N, C-alpha and C. Protein backbone atom coordinates (compact mmCIF):
# COMPACT_ATOMS: atom_id res chain seq x y z
N MET A 1 97.41 157.83 131.13
CA MET A 1 98.31 157.97 130.19
C MET A 1 98.93 156.68 130.41
N MET A 2 99.46 156.36 128.90
CA MET A 2 100.67 155.35 129.33
C MET A 2 101.85 155.15 129.72
N THR A 3 102.41 154.41 130.71
CA THR A 3 104.37 154.44 130.85
C THR A 3 104.76 154.00 129.83
N THR A 4 105.91 154.20 129.50
CA THR A 4 106.70 153.50 128.30
C THR A 4 107.16 151.92 128.92
N LYS A 5 107.14 151.59 129.85
CA LYS A 5 107.04 149.89 130.18
C LYS A 5 105.95 149.46 129.26
N ARG A 6 104.11 150.10 129.86
CA ARG A 6 103.60 149.40 129.19
C ARG A 6 103.41 150.08 127.73
N ILE A 7 103.86 150.71 127.27
CA ILE A 7 103.93 150.74 125.72
C ILE A 7 104.88 149.79 124.98
N SER A 8 105.86 149.49 125.79
CA SER A 8 106.76 148.83 125.05
C SER A 8 106.11 147.41 125.42
N PHE A 9 105.75 146.82 126.61
CA PHE A 9 104.82 145.70 126.40
C PHE A 9 103.49 145.42 125.30
N VAL A 10 103.06 146.31 125.02
CA VAL A 10 101.98 146.56 124.00
C VAL A 10 102.42 146.35 122.70
N LEU A 11 103.68 147.04 122.39
CA LEU A 11 104.22 147.19 120.91
C LEU A 11 104.70 145.73 120.80
N LEU A 12 105.13 144.74 122.04
CA LEU A 12 106.14 143.61 121.57
C LEU A 12 104.99 142.42 121.36
N ALA A 13 104.35 142.32 122.41
CA ALA A 13 102.99 141.38 122.06
C ALA A 13 102.51 142.07 120.64
N THR A 14 101.81 142.85 120.42
CA THR A 14 101.39 143.35 118.77
C THR A 14 102.35 142.82 117.96
N ALA A 15 103.70 143.02 118.11
CA ALA A 15 105.22 142.24 117.13
C ALA A 15 104.83 140.70 117.13
N LEU A 16 104.20 140.40 118.27
CA LEU A 16 104.73 138.80 118.48
C LEU A 16 103.33 138.37 117.40
N MET A 17 102.59 139.19 117.58
CA MET A 17 100.97 138.75 117.47
C MET A 17 101.24 138.67 116.00
N PHE A 18 101.85 139.40 115.34
CA PHE A 18 101.78 139.28 113.91
C PHE A 18 102.79 138.42 113.43
N ILE A 19 104.20 138.07 113.77
CA ILE A 19 105.19 137.16 113.75
C ILE A 19 104.58 135.71 113.57
N PHE A 20 103.64 135.34 114.53
CA PHE A 20 102.96 134.09 115.13
C PHE A 20 101.83 134.11 113.86
N ILE A 21 100.94 135.02 113.20
CA ILE A 21 100.16 134.97 112.28
C ILE A 21 100.79 135.07 110.92
N ALA A 22 102.03 135.48 110.50
CA ALA A 22 102.60 135.36 109.32
C ALA A 22 103.60 134.08 109.05
N GLY A 23 103.82 133.56 110.51
CA GLY A 23 104.14 132.14 110.48
C GLY A 23 103.11 130.96 110.44
N GLN A 24 101.72 130.91 110.38
CA GLN A 24 100.77 130.20 110.30
C GLN A 24 100.58 130.26 109.45
N ASN A 25 100.49 131.64 108.35
CA ASN A 25 100.06 131.20 106.47
C ASN A 25 101.11 130.61 106.18
N ASN A 26 102.16 130.63 106.44
CA ASN A 26 103.27 130.55 105.52
C ASN A 26 103.39 129.02 105.81
N GLN A 27 103.31 128.26 106.73
CA GLN A 27 103.15 126.78 106.87
C GLN A 27 102.38 126.38 105.37
N SER A 28 102.57 125.00 105.42
CA SER A 28 102.17 123.82 104.55
C SER A 28 100.85 123.90 105.05
N SER A 29 99.63 123.70 103.64
CA SER A 29 98.31 123.70 104.04
C SER A 29 97.75 122.06 104.05
N VAL A 30 99.27 120.99 103.84
CA VAL A 30 98.99 119.62 104.04
C VAL A 30 99.69 118.97 105.17
N LYS A 31 98.19 118.76 106.00
CA LYS A 31 98.73 118.29 107.17
C LYS A 31 97.73 116.85 107.67
N ALA A 32 98.69 116.19 108.73
CA ALA A 32 98.19 114.85 108.84
C ALA A 32 98.14 114.77 110.30
N SER A 33 97.09 114.28 111.23
CA SER A 33 97.56 114.22 112.39
C SER A 33 98.63 115.26 113.10
N GLY A 34 98.19 116.59 112.52
CA GLY A 34 98.89 117.21 113.68
C GLY A 34 99.94 117.78 113.11
N ASP A 35 100.69 117.16 112.41
CA ASP A 35 101.88 117.71 111.82
C ASP A 35 101.92 118.16 110.42
N SER A 36 102.96 119.15 110.27
CA SER A 36 102.94 120.50 109.51
C SER A 36 103.54 120.06 108.22
N ALA A 37 104.17 119.08 108.13
CA ALA A 37 105.19 118.33 107.07
C ALA A 37 104.23 118.04 105.97
N PRO A 38 104.13 118.02 104.39
CA PRO A 38 103.54 117.77 103.62
C PRO A 38 103.67 115.59 103.73
N GLN A 39 102.11 115.56 103.01
CA GLN A 39 101.93 113.83 103.50
C GLN A 39 101.45 113.66 102.26
N LEU A 40 101.90 112.04 101.94
CA LEU A 40 100.81 111.59 100.73
C LEU A 40 99.55 110.98 101.37
N GLU A 41 99.68 110.40 102.72
CA GLU A 41 98.11 109.91 103.64
C GLU A 41 96.85 110.73 102.86
N GLY A 42 96.20 109.35 102.76
CA GLY A 42 94.87 109.74 101.97
C GLY A 42 95.03 108.87 100.51
N SER A 43 93.28 108.67 99.34
CA SER A 43 93.29 108.27 98.85
C SER A 43 93.37 109.22 97.39
N TRP A 44 93.84 108.70 96.20
CA TRP A 44 94.35 109.58 94.90
C TRP A 44 94.07 109.10 93.81
N VAL A 45 93.28 109.93 92.67
CA VAL A 45 93.32 109.44 91.72
C VAL A 45 94.39 109.53 90.69
N ASP A 46 94.96 108.58 90.20
CA ASP A 46 96.16 108.45 89.60
C ASP A 46 95.91 108.53 87.84
N ASN A 47 96.37 109.58 87.17
CA ASN A 47 96.74 109.18 85.94
C ASN A 47 98.14 108.92 84.94
N VAL A 48 98.22 107.61 84.74
CA VAL A 48 99.40 106.92 84.44
C VAL A 48 99.74 106.99 83.21
N THR A 49 100.72 107.12 82.42
CA THR A 49 100.87 107.55 81.29
C THR A 49 102.34 106.36 81.35
N GLY A 50 102.19 105.33 80.37
CA GLY A 50 103.49 104.45 79.90
C GLY A 50 104.19 105.07 78.91
N VAL A 51 105.48 104.94 79.35
CA VAL A 51 106.47 105.92 78.60
C VAL A 51 107.32 105.03 77.92
N SER A 52 107.62 103.95 78.64
CA SER A 52 109.03 103.09 78.33
C SER A 52 108.71 101.41 78.27
N GLY A 53 109.15 100.63 77.22
CA GLY A 53 108.67 99.13 77.98
C GLY A 53 106.99 98.92 77.68
N PHE A 54 107.15 97.64 78.63
CA PHE A 54 105.72 97.12 78.47
C PHE A 54 104.82 98.29 78.71
N GLY A 55 103.90 98.60 77.59
CA GLY A 55 102.54 99.22 78.13
C GLY A 55 102.65 100.95 77.58
N ALA A 56 104.13 101.07 77.07
CA ALA A 56 104.56 102.30 76.60
C ALA A 56 103.25 102.93 75.59
N GLY A 57 102.88 103.90 75.90
CA GLY A 57 102.16 104.41 74.49
C GLY A 57 101.07 104.82 75.46
N SER A 58 100.14 103.84 76.36
CA SER A 58 99.05 103.59 77.19
C SER A 58 98.88 104.66 77.92
N THR A 59 97.43 104.86 78.37
CA THR A 59 97.21 105.61 79.48
C THR A 59 95.79 104.93 80.44
N HIS A 60 96.10 105.00 81.70
CA HIS A 60 94.78 104.56 82.22
C HIS A 60 94.75 105.46 83.76
N LYS A 61 93.62 105.50 84.23
CA LYS A 61 93.02 106.05 85.75
C LYS A 61 93.12 104.54 86.34
N ASN A 62 93.97 104.74 88.03
CA ASN A 62 93.76 103.72 88.90
C ASN A 62 93.68 104.49 90.28
N LEU A 63 93.16 104.00 90.72
CA LEU A 63 93.48 104.48 92.53
C LEU A 63 94.26 103.92 93.39
N SER A 64 94.68 105.12 94.34
CA SER A 64 95.86 104.86 94.97
C SER A 64 95.39 104.82 96.66
N THR A 65 95.84 104.20 97.80
CA THR A 65 95.56 105.16 99.27
C THR A 65 96.78 104.69 99.92
N TYR A 66 97.03 105.53 100.41
CA TYR A 66 98.62 106.00 101.01
C TYR A 66 98.02 106.26 102.59
N SER A 67 98.62 104.93 103.05
CA SER A 67 97.84 105.03 104.82
C SER A 67 99.17 105.54 105.94
N ARG A 68 99.01 106.00 106.76
CA ARG A 68 99.50 106.32 107.76
C ARG A 68 100.73 105.52 108.38
N GLY A 69 102.17 105.60 108.57
CA GLY A 69 103.17 104.71 108.62
C GLY A 69 103.73 104.16 107.42
N GLY A 70 103.48 104.26 105.88
CA GLY A 70 103.94 104.16 105.04
C GLY A 70 103.11 102.96 104.22
N GLY A 71 101.92 102.86 104.52
CA GLY A 71 101.61 101.29 103.60
C GLY A 71 100.67 101.91 102.16
N LEU A 72 100.96 101.63 101.13
CA LEU A 72 100.39 102.00 99.96
C LEU A 72 99.36 100.45 99.95
N VAL A 73 98.43 100.90 98.96
CA VAL A 73 97.15 100.14 98.37
C VAL A 73 96.89 100.56 97.15
N THR A 74 96.67 99.93 95.75
CA THR A 74 96.33 100.26 94.48
C THR A 74 95.30 99.43 94.22
N LEU A 75 94.40 99.84 92.95
CA LEU A 75 94.07 98.89 92.09
C LEU A 75 94.61 97.77 91.76
N PRO A 76 94.23 96.99 91.23
CA PRO A 76 94.88 95.83 89.97
C PRO A 76 95.42 96.75 88.87
N ALA A 77 96.58 96.41 88.49
CA ALA A 77 97.33 97.01 87.36
C ALA A 77 96.34 96.47 86.41
N PRO A 78 96.30 97.41 85.03
CA PRO A 78 95.57 96.65 83.95
C PRO A 78 96.80 95.91 82.99
N VAL A 79 96.51 94.76 82.97
CA VAL A 79 97.35 93.95 81.92
C VAL A 79 96.65 93.23 81.13
N PRO A 80 97.33 92.85 80.11
CA PRO A 80 96.68 92.44 78.57
C PRO A 80 96.00 90.93 79.16
N PRO A 81 94.76 90.98 78.19
CA PRO A 81 93.97 89.49 78.60
C PRO A 81 94.89 88.39 78.19
N PRO A 82 94.88 87.09 78.26
CA PRO A 82 93.96 86.68 79.47
C PRO A 82 94.31 86.71 80.82
N LEU A 83 95.72 87.44 81.01
CA LEU A 83 96.07 87.72 82.49
C LEU A 83 95.49 88.61 83.29
N GLN A 84 95.17 88.45 84.79
CA GLN A 84 94.77 88.85 85.91
C GLN A 84 95.65 89.26 86.98
N SER A 85 95.61 90.84 87.32
CA SER A 85 96.24 91.37 88.41
C SER A 85 95.88 91.39 89.60
N SER A 86 96.66 91.07 90.72
CA SER A 86 96.09 91.24 92.29
C SER A 86 96.13 93.09 92.17
N ALA A 87 95.61 93.46 93.65
CA ALA A 87 95.90 94.67 93.89
C ALA A 87 97.40 94.90 94.31
N GLY A 88 97.75 96.06 93.76
CA GLY A 88 98.77 96.30 94.32
C GLY A 88 99.37 96.89 96.10
N HIS A 89 100.16 95.82 96.50
CA HIS A 89 100.37 96.53 97.83
C HIS A 89 101.70 97.20 98.07
N GLY A 90 102.22 97.89 98.41
CA GLY A 90 103.67 98.24 99.09
C GLY A 90 103.70 99.38 100.35
N THR A 91 105.02 100.17 100.47
CA THR A 91 105.40 100.97 101.20
C THR A 91 105.56 102.24 100.56
N TRP A 92 105.37 103.30 101.17
CA TRP A 92 106.15 104.73 100.88
C TRP A 92 107.08 105.47 102.08
N ILE A 93 107.48 106.32 101.50
CA ILE A 93 108.63 106.92 102.78
C ILE A 93 108.45 108.63 102.23
N HIS A 94 109.20 109.40 103.33
CA HIS A 94 109.05 110.45 102.83
C HIS A 94 110.61 110.44 102.63
N LYS A 95 110.96 111.34 101.52
CA LYS A 95 112.46 111.56 101.33
C LYS A 95 113.05 113.03 101.57
N GLY A 96 112.11 113.73 101.99
CA GLY A 96 112.45 115.30 102.24
C GLY A 96 111.52 116.17 101.63
N GLY A 97 111.12 117.24 102.39
CA GLY A 97 110.35 118.26 101.60
C GLY A 97 109.35 117.92 100.86
N ARG A 98 108.81 118.21 99.51
CA ARG A 98 107.92 117.42 98.85
C ARG A 98 108.32 116.20 98.27
N ASP A 99 109.42 115.89 98.20
CA ASP A 99 109.61 114.20 97.66
C ASP A 99 109.15 112.76 98.44
N PHE A 100 109.07 112.21 97.50
CA PHE A 100 108.60 110.97 98.12
C PHE A 100 108.83 109.92 97.60
N ALA A 101 108.69 108.43 97.79
CA ALA A 101 109.03 107.37 96.70
C ALA A 101 108.21 106.16 97.34
N TYR A 102 107.68 105.34 96.47
CA TYR A 102 106.95 104.01 97.04
C TYR A 102 107.64 102.87 96.31
N THR A 103 107.44 101.98 96.45
CA THR A 103 107.72 100.65 96.16
C THR A 103 106.07 99.87 96.31
N CYS A 104 106.13 99.01 95.45
CA CYS A 104 104.81 98.32 94.98
C CYS A 104 104.90 97.08 94.46
N LEU A 105 104.14 96.02 94.99
CA LEU A 105 104.17 94.75 94.39
C LEU A 105 102.82 94.75 93.51
N PHE A 106 102.63 93.75 92.49
CA PHE A 106 101.38 93.45 92.08
C PHE A 106 101.80 91.71 91.49
N PHE A 107 100.98 90.67 91.67
CA PHE A 107 100.85 89.69 91.19
C PHE A 107 100.17 89.49 89.88
N LEU A 108 100.83 89.03 89.30
CA LEU A 108 100.01 88.74 87.94
C LEU A 108 99.93 86.75 87.49
N TYR A 109 98.64 86.67 87.41
CA TYR A 109 97.82 85.34 87.10
C TYR A 109 97.44 85.16 85.96
N ASP A 110 97.65 83.94 85.63
CA ASP A 110 96.97 83.45 84.16
C ASP A 110 95.39 83.02 84.59
N PRO A 111 94.81 82.50 83.59
CA PRO A 111 93.18 82.06 83.70
C PRO A 111 92.97 81.19 84.45
N SER A 112 93.86 80.42 84.48
CA SER A 112 93.60 79.07 85.59
C SER A 112 94.06 79.40 87.09
N GLY A 113 94.46 80.66 87.20
CA GLY A 113 94.60 81.33 88.51
C GLY A 113 96.96 81.05 89.24
N GLN A 114 96.95 80.10 88.08
CA GLN A 114 98.28 80.58 88.54
C GLN A 114 99.15 81.76 88.68
N HIS A 115 100.26 81.72 89.59
CA HIS A 115 100.99 83.03 89.64
C HIS A 115 101.86 82.68 88.35
N VAL A 116 101.85 83.94 87.59
CA VAL A 116 103.17 83.53 86.52
C VAL A 116 103.95 84.84 86.32
N PHE A 117 103.84 85.88 87.18
CA PHE A 117 104.55 87.41 87.07
C PHE A 117 104.25 87.91 88.45
N THR A 118 105.76 88.21 88.73
CA THR A 118 105.46 89.62 89.80
C THR A 118 105.97 90.83 89.05
N VAL A 119 105.49 91.88 89.64
CA VAL A 119 105.55 93.08 88.74
C VAL A 119 106.33 94.12 89.95
N LYS A 120 107.13 94.65 89.96
CA LYS A 120 107.80 95.70 91.26
C LYS A 120 107.80 97.11 90.61
N LEU A 121 106.83 98.13 91.25
CA LEU A 121 106.84 99.24 90.77
C LEU A 121 107.56 100.19 91.80
N HIS A 122 108.40 100.85 91.10
CA HIS A 122 109.08 102.34 92.32
C HIS A 122 108.81 103.47 91.51
N GLU A 123 108.52 104.33 92.53
CA GLU A 123 107.87 105.93 91.56
C GLU A 123 108.71 106.91 92.61
N ASP A 124 109.28 107.66 91.63
CA ASP A 124 109.73 109.19 92.57
C ASP A 124 108.37 110.51 92.41
N ILE A 125 107.92 110.91 93.90
CA ILE A 125 107.09 111.69 93.45
C ILE A 125 107.29 112.70 94.07
N THR A 126 106.56 114.06 93.04
CA THR A 126 106.91 115.19 93.92
C THR A 126 105.73 116.00 94.32
N LEU A 127 105.38 116.20 95.51
CA LEU A 127 103.83 116.57 95.75
C LEU A 127 104.11 118.13 95.63
N GLY A 128 102.56 118.46 94.94
CA GLY A 128 102.71 119.98 94.56
C GLY A 128 102.54 120.93 95.64
N GLU A 129 102.12 122.34 95.22
CA GLU A 129 102.83 123.19 96.45
C GLU A 129 101.55 123.32 97.19
N GLY A 130 100.53 122.97 97.13
CA GLY A 130 98.88 122.93 97.44
C GLY A 130 98.60 121.47 98.37
N GLY A 131 99.35 120.40 98.17
CA GLY A 131 99.05 119.11 98.51
C GLY A 131 98.23 117.85 98.22
N ASN A 132 97.71 118.76 97.22
CA ASN A 132 96.38 117.81 96.90
C ASN A 132 96.79 116.92 95.32
N GLU A 133 97.54 117.89 94.81
CA GLU A 133 98.19 117.24 93.49
C GLU A 133 99.61 116.32 93.46
N TYR A 134 100.03 115.27 92.94
CA TYR A 134 101.85 114.91 92.73
C TYR A 134 101.97 114.78 91.25
N ASP A 135 102.86 115.08 90.87
CA ASP A 135 103.61 114.28 89.80
C ASP A 135 105.11 113.25 89.93
N GLY A 136 105.33 111.92 89.42
CA GLY A 136 105.79 111.48 89.44
C GLY A 136 106.22 110.50 88.31
N ILE A 137 107.06 109.96 88.39
CA ILE A 137 108.04 109.01 87.68
C ILE A 137 108.42 107.91 88.03
N SER A 138 108.20 106.66 87.27
CA SER A 138 107.73 105.83 87.88
C SER A 138 108.88 104.04 86.91
N SER A 139 109.45 103.58 87.21
CA SER A 139 109.91 102.42 86.85
C SER A 139 109.50 101.37 87.21
N PHE A 140 109.60 99.70 86.38
CA PHE A 140 109.14 99.07 86.93
C PHE A 140 109.97 97.51 86.42
N ASP A 141 109.70 96.41 86.85
CA ASP A 141 110.63 95.21 86.36
C ASP A 141 109.28 94.11 86.70
N VAL A 142 109.53 93.22 85.60
CA VAL A 142 108.70 91.98 85.50
C VAL A 142 109.70 90.91 86.04
N PHE A 143 108.78 90.17 86.89
CA PHE A 143 109.33 88.66 87.30
C PHE A 143 109.28 87.33 87.12
N ASP A 144 109.68 86.38 87.24
CA ASP A 144 108.88 85.00 86.80
C ASP A 144 108.49 84.39 88.58
N PRO A 145 107.92 83.32 88.83
CA PRO A 145 107.52 83.11 89.92
C PRO A 145 108.75 82.82 90.84
N ALA A 146 109.91 82.42 89.96
CA ALA A 146 111.44 82.03 90.59
C ALA A 146 112.22 83.56 91.22
N GLY A 147 111.27 84.36 90.98
CA GLY A 147 112.22 85.71 91.27
C GLY A 147 112.92 86.14 89.99
N ASN A 148 113.20 85.36 88.84
CA ASN A 148 114.32 85.82 87.76
C ASN A 148 113.74 87.04 86.81
N LEU A 149 114.60 88.14 86.50
CA LEU A 149 113.86 89.03 85.63
C LEU A 149 113.63 88.51 84.26
N VAL A 150 112.47 88.94 84.01
CA VAL A 150 112.08 88.62 82.39
C VAL A 150 112.22 89.82 81.76
N PRO A 151 113.33 89.83 80.71
CA PRO A 151 114.24 90.53 79.73
C PRO A 151 112.72 90.71 79.24
N GLY A 152 112.99 92.25 78.56
CA GLY A 152 112.33 93.02 77.82
C GLY A 152 110.59 93.44 78.04
N PHE A 153 110.48 93.14 79.34
CA PHE A 153 108.90 93.84 79.88
C PHE A 153 109.00 94.50 80.84
N SER A 154 110.86 95.07 81.34
CA SER A 154 110.57 96.36 81.88
C SER A 154 110.41 97.67 81.39
N GLY A 155 110.46 98.66 82.46
CA GLY A 155 109.68 99.77 81.23
C GLY A 155 109.51 101.29 82.59
N GLY A 156 108.75 101.89 81.89
CA GLY A 156 108.89 103.57 83.15
C GLY A 156 107.49 104.13 82.50
N GLY A 157 107.31 104.82 83.40
CA GLY A 157 106.23 106.01 83.15
C GLY A 157 105.99 107.25 84.33
N THR A 158 105.01 107.74 83.57
CA THR A 158 104.63 109.25 84.38
C THR A 158 103.24 109.35 84.94
N THR A 159 102.94 109.94 86.20
CA THR A 159 102.09 110.09 86.69
C THR A 159 101.64 111.20 86.81
N HIS A 160 100.49 111.53 86.77
CA HIS A 160 99.50 112.96 87.59
C HIS A 160 98.68 112.72 88.24
N CYS A 161 98.36 112.66 89.66
CA CYS A 161 97.76 112.55 90.33
C CYS A 161 96.94 113.61 91.32
N THR A 162 95.16 113.27 91.68
CA THR A 162 94.91 114.32 92.47
C THR A 162 94.41 113.66 93.48
N ARG A 163 94.65 114.28 94.96
CA ARG A 163 94.14 113.91 95.86
C ARG A 163 92.46 113.78 95.75
N ILE A 164 91.76 112.55 96.52
CA ILE A 164 90.30 112.43 96.55
C ILE A 164 89.93 113.32 98.24
N THR A 165 88.78 114.55 97.36
CA THR A 165 89.00 115.69 98.73
C THR A 165 87.64 115.41 99.35
N ASP A 166 86.72 116.04 100.03
CA ASP A 166 85.11 115.87 100.61
C ASP A 166 84.84 117.16 99.82
């Protein structure tokens, strides 16, 4: 027969076990480097829709990779011929909860290879509940080689992105 102390200990241990298991099931499934906070780290397929300004009404796919520590690299931006775009490089931050933001730069070149514009893209992102999709609202500005804003070429868009998984 069990003593009162032993029964109390068994009940306490059982309760703590259920609390621990319930807590584990309520944590985000998005983990990176042992961190339970939602993360953008990884590679994504981006579905981008231009909403305003240069590129309004257009849609395209892109690829982006967010690295640990806040680095971002994307494919070149789609630009009208004869211009060519560099890959995009930038930084991202975790704003809290499932909210993130990034800033990315692209250099645009004419057919002779001369740098003619810089595109600076900002996006606010909300990561989905499961951590494998996000939606974003972006804005961009276009600058000449001297850093002056080029009037009439700023704009914005939306994205829906899906994490590349194995």
